[in-house]
Amino acid sequence: MPDKQRPDMDPTSPAAGGGDVTEQLIRLMSRDLVFTMTFLGESQHRMQTHFESFITASLARAGMNQTTHPMIRLFVERHATLLREFVFSGVALSRQFGIGEIEHLIGDASSLLRIDIWDQLRNHIEMAETRFRAQIPDLPGQLADFAAPDAARGEAP
């Protein structure tokens, strides 16, 4: 586990970049972190193709095709994607492994995996906060439609 004496571990330090929330997440890791399967590449393509064929054939049997419904291809692609994600998500959720199980499987007795995850969490939190801060100058214009009617005229509530 990361050492509390590290200077970048002070939650008030700009270098910490949300170290406080990182520490909280690490403490919850044994309970809340699970590793799931993810199908990538050709597997996703094959499942997508399967569902596109299935949906196209089902619609054709019901009298709907490219000739009768010129924009049906968009419907088919979108619904095939939804079905693909439903299947892959369902399988992934049924096969989850906790951090302890993964550490045991890979022989990580010194918790190097947890330290690596801590570093990645901290770096990604810093990156997200930096990107948000960079957008702050543009936010008043983007949020103008969400302002109260009185605020648009500069009136106090």
Protein backbone atom coordinates (compact mmCIF):
# COMPACT_ATOMS: atom_id res chain seq x y z
CA MET A 1 0.00 0.00 0.00
CA PRO A 2 1.38 3.51 -0.71
CA ASP A 3 3.24 5.13 2.17
CA LYS A 4 1.35 7.92 3.99
CA GLN A 5 4.64 9.82 4.36
CA ARG A 6 4.96 10.45 0.63
CA PRO A 7 4.75 14.24 0.04
CA ASP A 8 2.30 13.76 -2.82
CA MET A 9 -0.08 11.94 -0.45
CA ASP A 10 -1.18 15.12 1.35
CA PRO A 11 -4.80 15.60 0.14
CA THR A 12 -4.36 19.38 0.32
CA SER A 13 -1.28 19.24 -1.89
CA PRO A 14 -1.85 20.17 -5.54
CA ALA A 15 0.31 17.17 -6.48
CA ALA A 16 -2.11 14.84 -4.70
CA GLY A 17 -4.77 15.46 -7.35
CA GLY A 18 -7.55 13.91 -5.32
CA GLY A 19 -5.38 11.61 -3.24
CA ASP A 20 -8.04 11.63 -0.56
CA VAL A 21 -10.62 9.96 -2.81
CA THR A 22 -7.93 7.63 -4.13
CA GLU A 23 -7.19 6.46 -0.59
CA GLN A 24 -10.91 5.94 0.02
CA LEU A 25 -11.24 3.84 -3.12
CA ILE A 26 -8.20 1.76 -2.20
CA ARG A 27 -9.69 1.06 1.24
CA LEU A 28 -12.89 -0.14 -0.47
CA MET A 29 -11.01 -2.18 -3.06
CA SER A 30 -11.38 -5.54 -1.32
CA ARG A 31 -15.15 -5.11 -1.31
CA ASP A 32 -15.90 -3.04 -4.42
CA LEU A 33 -13.26 -3.87 -7.04
CA VAL A 34 -14.02 -6.78 -9.33
CA PHE A 35 -12.32 -7.97 -12.46
CA THR A 36 -14.63 -8.96 -15.29
CA MET A 37 -14.17 -10.53 -18.68
CA THR A 38 -14.22 -8.27 -21.70
CA PHE A 39 -14.66 -9.53 -25.23
CA LEU A 40 -12.63 -7.51 -27.71
CA GLY A 41 -11.74 -7.41 -31.38
CA GLU A 42 -13.04 -10.12 -33.65
CA SER A 43 -15.31 -11.50 -30.90
CA GLN A 44 -17.23 -8.22 -30.83
CA HIS A 45 -17.40 -8.13 -34.62
CA ARG A 46 -18.69 -11.71 -34.85
CA MET A 47 -21.36 -11.11 -32.20
CA GLN A 48 -22.39 -7.85 -33.91
CA THR A 49 -22.64 -9.61 -37.28
CA HIS A 50 -24.66 -12.42 -35.74
CA PHE A 51 -27.23 -10.05 -34.28
CA GLU A 52 -27.40 -7.91 -37.43
CA SER A 53 -28.20 -11.06 -39.45
CA PHE A 54 -30.69 -12.24 -36.82
CA ILE A 55 -32.50 -8.87 -36.70
CA THR A 56 -32.49 -8.46 -40.49
CA ALA A 57 -33.96 -11.96 -40.98
CA SER A 58 -36.55 -11.43 -38.23
CA LEU A 59 -37.64 -8.11 -39.72
CA ALA A 60 -37.77 -9.60 -43.23
CA ARG A 61 -40.08 -12.39 -42.00
CA ALA A 62 -42.32 -9.63 -40.62
CA GLY A 63 -42.34 -7.85 -44.00
CA MET A 64 -39.82 -5.12 -43.22
CA ASN A 65 -36.66 -4.73 -45.31
CA GLN A 66 -34.44 -2.14 -46.97
CA THR A 67 -36.97 -1.68 -49.77
CA THR A 68 -39.96 -1.06 -47.52
CA HIS A 69 -37.97 0.86 -44.91
CA PRO A 70 -34.91 2.59 -46.45
CA MET A 71 -33.46 3.64 -43.07
CA ILE A 72 -33.81 0.20 -41.48
CA ARG A 73 -30.06 -0.41 -41.58
CA LEU A 74 -29.53 2.18 -38.83
CA PHE A 75 -32.17 0.43 -36.70
CA VAL A 76 -30.53 -2.95 -37.28
CA GLU A 77 -27.02 -1.73 -36.40
CA ARG A 78 -28.16 0.06 -33.25
CA HIS A 79 -30.23 -2.83 -31.96
CA ALA A 80 -27.53 -5.35 -32.81
CA THR A 81 -25.11 -3.28 -30.73
CA LEU A 82 -27.57 -3.20 -27.83
CA LEU A 83 -28.05 -6.98 -27.98
CA ARG A 84 -24.29 -7.55 -28.24
CA GLU A 85 -23.64 -5.41 -25.18
CA PHE A 86 -26.47 -7.14 -23.29
CA VAL A 87 -24.89 -10.55 -23.92
CA PHE A 88 -21.32 -9.51 -23.17
CA SER A 89 -22.31 -7.55 -20.05
CA GLY A 90 -24.38 -10.45 -18.76
CA VAL A 91 -21.54 -12.90 -19.21
CA ALA A 92 -19.03 -10.48 -17.67
CA LEU A 93 -21.22 -9.86 -14.63
CA SER A 94 -21.65 -13.58 -14.06
CA ARG A 95 -17.88 -14.11 -13.99
CA GLN A 96 -16.34 -11.61 -11.59
CA PHE A 97 -13.16 -11.98 -9.57
CA GLY A 98 -12.22 -9.95 -6.50
CA ILE A 99 -8.81 -8.38 -5.97
CA GLY A 100 -7.81 -11.10 -3.49
CA GLU A 101 -8.59 -13.85 -5.98
CA ILE A 102 -6.62 -12.13 -8.73
CA GLU A 103 -3.64 -11.53 -6.42
CA HIS A 104 -3.72 -15.21 -5.45
CA LEU A 105 -3.93 -16.33 -9.09
CA ILE A 106 -0.99 -14.16 -10.19
CA GLY A 107 1.04 -14.80 -7.04
CA ASP A 108 1.12 -11.14 -5.99
CA ALA A 109 1.87 -11.56 -2.27
CA SER A 110 3.24 -8.01 -1.90
CA SER A 111 0.12 -6.21 -3.22
CA LEU A 112 1.96 -4.68 -6.18
CA LEU A 113 -1.29 -4.87 -8.13
CA ARG A 114 -3.03 -2.67 -5.53
CA ILE A 115 -0.20 -0.13 -5.65
CA ASP A 116 -0.34 -0.08 -9.45
CA ILE A 117 -4.12 0.44 -9.32
CA TRP A 118 -3.62 3.23 -6.75
CA ASP A 119 -1.19 5.00 -9.09
CA GLN A 120 -3.54 4.64 -12.05
CA LEU A 121 -6.51 5.93 -10.05
CA ARG A 122 -4.54 8.94 -8.86
CA ASN A 123 -3.25 9.73 -12.36
CA HIS A 124 -6.67 9.42 -13.97
CA ILE A 125 -8.32 11.56 -11.26
CA GLU A 126 -5.67 14.25 -11.83
CA MET A 127 -6.22 14.06 -15.60
CA ALA A 128 -10.02 14.33 -15.24
CA GLU A 129 -9.71 17.31 -12.88
CA THR A 130 -7.20 19.03 -15.18
CA ARG A 131 -9.48 18.57 -18.19
CA PHE A 132 -12.45 19.92 -16.28
CA ARG A 133 -10.49 22.97 -15.07
CA ALA A 134 -9.48 23.65 -18.68
CA GLN A 135 -13.20 23.80 -19.65
CA ILE A 136 -14.21 26.23 -16.89
CA PRO A 137 -13.80 29.39 -19.04
CA ASP A 138 -16.33 27.97 -21.55
CA LEU A 139 -18.85 26.77 -18.96
CA PRO A 140 -20.84 30.01 -18.47
CA GLY A 141 -21.86 29.96 -22.13
CA GLN A 142 -22.60 26.22 -22.07
CA LEU A 143 -24.69 26.53 -18.90
CA ALA A 144 -26.61 29.64 -19.91
CA ASP A 145 -29.68 27.60 -20.83
CA PHE A 146 -29.70 26.14 -17.32
CA ALA A 147 -29.68 29.48 -15.52
CA ALA A 148 -32.73 30.66 -13.59
CA PRO A 149 -34.76 33.25 -15.54
CA ASP A 150 -33.86 35.97 -13.01
CA ALA A 151 -30.17 35.14 -13.30
CA ALA A 152 -30.26 35.74 -17.04
CA ARG A 153 -31.23 39.36 -16.40
CA GLY A 154 -28.71 39.78 -13.61
CA GLU A 155 -31.36 40.02 -10.88
CA ALA A 156 -30.81 38.66 -7.42
CA PRO A 157 -33.03 35.71 -6.41
